[in-house]
Amino acid sequence: MHRNELDPDHKLYAWSQTFSEAVKEKDPQKLQEKVAAAEAAIFNRLQDLAQGNGAEIEIIALREASDTFLLLKTDVLRFPDWRRP
């Protein structure tokens, strides 16, 4: 991580709030909803970045946030892990 972009209390980017709320959620049902909302916010920001409207450091933070959600979904929410055979 760079400059604590993925610290749950970090508010540098517009999508950071939804990311923080999802990472802090303890209730599995609410976690699933919050992860979905945060993933949508990240997807929308990635769409903006595809237009060339962003910095490389944010792209790295978005990638790390996506990796965090993959772990939450497979380890906490028990989604299937497509990376494992």
C-alpha atoms as a PDB file:
ATOM      1  CA  MET A   1       0.000   0.000   0.000  1.00  0.00           C
ATOM      2  CA  HIS A   2       1.063   3.532  -0.605  1.00  0.00           C
ATOM      3  CA  ARG A   3       0.580   6.402   1.838  1.00  0.00           C
ATOM      4  CA  ASN A   4      -2.147   4.425   3.635  1.00  0.00           C
ATOM      5  CA  GLU A   5      -4.667   4.755   0.787  1.00  0.00           C
ATOM      6  CA  LEU A   6      -6.397   1.612   2.017  1.00  0.00           C
ATOM      7  CA  ASP A   7      -6.477   2.532   5.670  1.00  0.00           C
ATOM      8  CA  PRO A   8     -10.208   2.157   6.463  1.00  0.00           C
ATOM      9  CA  ASP A   9     -10.272   5.736   7.770  1.00  0.00           C
ATOM     10  CA  HIS A  10      -8.581   7.212   4.700  1.00  0.00           C
ATOM     11  CA  LYS A  11     -10.804   9.574   2.673  1.00  0.00           C
ATOM     12  CA  LEU A  12      -8.543  10.604  -0.222  1.00  0.00           C
ATOM     13  CA  TYR A  13     -10.750   9.297  -3.036  1.00  0.00           C
ATOM     14  CA  ALA A  14     -14.484   9.557  -3.700  1.00  0.00           C
ATOM     15  CA  TRP A  15     -14.849   5.761  -3.494  1.00  0.00           C
ATOM     16  CA  SER A  16     -12.912   5.561  -0.197  1.00  0.00           C
ATOM     17  CA  GLN A  17     -16.003   6.091   1.980  1.00  0.00           C
ATOM     18  CA  THR A  18     -17.857   3.076   0.581  1.00  0.00           C
ATOM     19  CA  PHE A  19     -14.642   1.035   0.800  1.00  0.00           C
ATOM     20  CA  SER A  20     -14.207   2.026   4.466  1.00  0.00           C
ATOM     21  CA  GLU A  21     -17.793   1.149   5.327  1.00  0.00           C
ATOM     22  CA  ALA A  22     -17.455  -2.286   3.747  1.00  0.00           C
ATOM     23  CA  VAL A  23     -14.124  -3.104   5.398  1.00  0.00           C
ATOM     24  CA  LYS A  24     -15.434  -2.125   8.835  1.00  0.00           C
ATOM     25  CA  GLU A  25     -18.730  -4.055   8.557  1.00  0.00           C
ATOM     26  CA  LYS A  26     -19.009  -7.101  10.836  1.00  0.00           C
ATOM     27  CA  ASP A  27     -22.480  -8.383   9.900  1.00  0.00           C
ATOM     28  CA  PRO A  28     -22.075 -10.807   6.933  1.00  0.00           C
ATOM     29  CA  GLN A  29     -25.419  -9.815   5.358  1.00  0.00           C
ATOM     30  CA  LYS A  30     -24.627  -6.106   5.517  1.00  0.00           C
ATOM     31  CA  LEU A  31     -21.052  -6.821   4.441  1.00  0.00           C
ATOM     32  CA  GLN A  32     -22.253  -8.401   1.214  1.00  0.00           C
ATOM     33  CA  GLU A  33     -24.393  -5.324   0.455  1.00  0.00           C
ATOM     34  CA  LYS A  34     -21.605  -2.889   1.312  1.00  0.00           C
ATOM     35  CA  VAL A  35     -19.013  -4.788  -0.724  1.00  0.00           C
ATOM     36  CA  ALA A  36     -21.371  -4.695  -3.716  1.00  0.00           C
ATOM     37  CA  ALA A  37     -21.869  -0.925  -3.296  1.00  0.00           C
ATOM     38  CA  ALA A  38     -18.145  -0.307  -2.964  1.00  0.00           C
ATOM     39  CA  GLU A  39     -17.347  -2.510  -5.950  1.00  0.00           C
ATOM     40  CA  ALA A  40     -19.823  -0.470  -8.003  1.00  0.00           C
ATOM     41  CA  ALA A  41     -18.124   2.758  -6.891  1.00  0.00           C
ATOM     42  CA  ILE A  42     -14.721   1.305  -7.786  1.00  0.00           C
ATOM     43  CA  PHE A  43     -16.009   0.107 -11.163  1.00  0.00           C
ATOM     44  CA  ASN A  44     -17.404   3.563 -11.923  1.00  0.00           C
ATOM     45  CA  ARG A  45     -14.103   5.173 -10.999  1.00  0.00           C
ATOM     46  CA  LEU A  46     -12.219   2.707 -13.192  1.00  0.00           C
ATOM     47  CA  GLN A  47     -14.504   3.757 -16.037  1.00  0.00           C
ATOM     48  CA  ASP A  48     -13.456   7.379 -15.421  1.00  0.00           C
ATOM     49  CA  LEU A  49      -9.808   6.401 -15.289  1.00  0.00           C
ATOM     50  CA  ALA A  50     -10.113   4.648 -18.637  1.00  0.00           C
ATOM     51  CA  GLN A  51     -10.720   8.120 -20.031  1.00  0.00           C
ATOM     52  CA  GLY A  52      -7.352   9.213 -18.624  1.00  0.00           C
ATOM     53  CA  ASN A  53      -8.797  11.128 -15.645  1.00  0.00           C
ATOM     54  CA  GLY A  54      -6.636   9.944 -12.783  1.00  0.00           C
ATOM     55  CA  ALA A  55      -3.267   9.308 -11.273  1.00  0.00           C
ATOM     56  CA  GLU A  56      -1.337   6.050 -11.226  1.00  0.00           C
ATOM     57  CA  ILE A  57      -1.324   6.054  -7.410  1.00  0.00           C
ATOM     58  CA  GLU A  58      -5.129   5.892  -7.401  1.00  0.00           C
ATOM     59  CA  ILE A  59      -5.089   3.031  -9.882  1.00  0.00           C
ATOM     60  CA  ILE A  60      -2.804   1.134  -7.497  1.00  0.00           C
ATOM     61  CA  ALA A  61      -5.157   1.886  -4.592  1.00  0.00           C
ATOM     62  CA  LEU A  62      -8.130   0.680  -6.646  1.00  0.00           C
ATOM     63  CA  ARG A  63      -6.317  -2.564  -7.471  1.00  0.00           C
ATOM     64  CA  GLU A  64      -5.500  -3.104  -3.795  1.00  0.00           C
ATOM     65  CA  ALA A  65      -9.095  -2.370  -2.793  1.00  0.00           C
ATOM     66  CA  SER A  66     -10.304  -4.937  -5.321  1.00  0.00           C
ATOM     67  CA  ASP A  67      -7.861  -7.497  -3.918  1.00  0.00           C
ATOM     68  CA  THR A  68      -9.146  -6.762  -0.407  1.00  0.00           C
ATOM     69  CA  PHE A  69     -12.718  -7.375  -1.544  1.00  0.00           C
ATOM     70  CA  LEU A  70     -11.757 -10.650  -3.183  1.00  0.00           C
ATOM     71  CA  LEU A  71     -10.349 -11.822   0.151  1.00  0.00           C
ATOM     72  CA  LEU A  72     -13.439 -10.652   2.052  1.00  0.00           C
ATOM     73  CA  LYS A  73     -15.730 -12.382  -0.395  1.00  0.00           C
ATOM     74  CA  THR A  74     -13.871 -15.699  -0.401  1.00  0.00           C
ATOM     75  CA  ASP A  75     -12.751 -15.856   3.242  1.00  0.00           C
ATOM     76  CA  VAL A  76     -15.624 -14.163   5.086  1.00  0.00           C
ATOM     77  CA  LEU A  77     -18.625 -14.436   2.780  1.00  0.00           C
ATOM     78  CA  ARG A  78     -17.562 -17.862   1.433  1.00  0.00           C
ATOM     79  CA  PHE A  79     -17.904 -16.965  -2.251  1.00  0.00           C
ATOM     80  CA  PRO A  80     -16.170 -19.488  -4.523  1.00  0.00           C
ATOM     81  CA  ASP A  81     -12.572 -18.592  -5.265  1.00  0.00           C
ATOM     82  CA  TRP A  82     -12.132 -18.679  -9.038  1.00  0.00           C
ATOM     83  CA  ARG A  83      -8.326 -18.590  -8.597  1.00  0.00           C
ATOM     84  CA  ARG A  84      -8.220 -22.043  -7.003  1.00  0.00           C
ATOM     85  CA  PRO A  85      -8.674 -25.160  -9.146  1.00  0.00           C
END
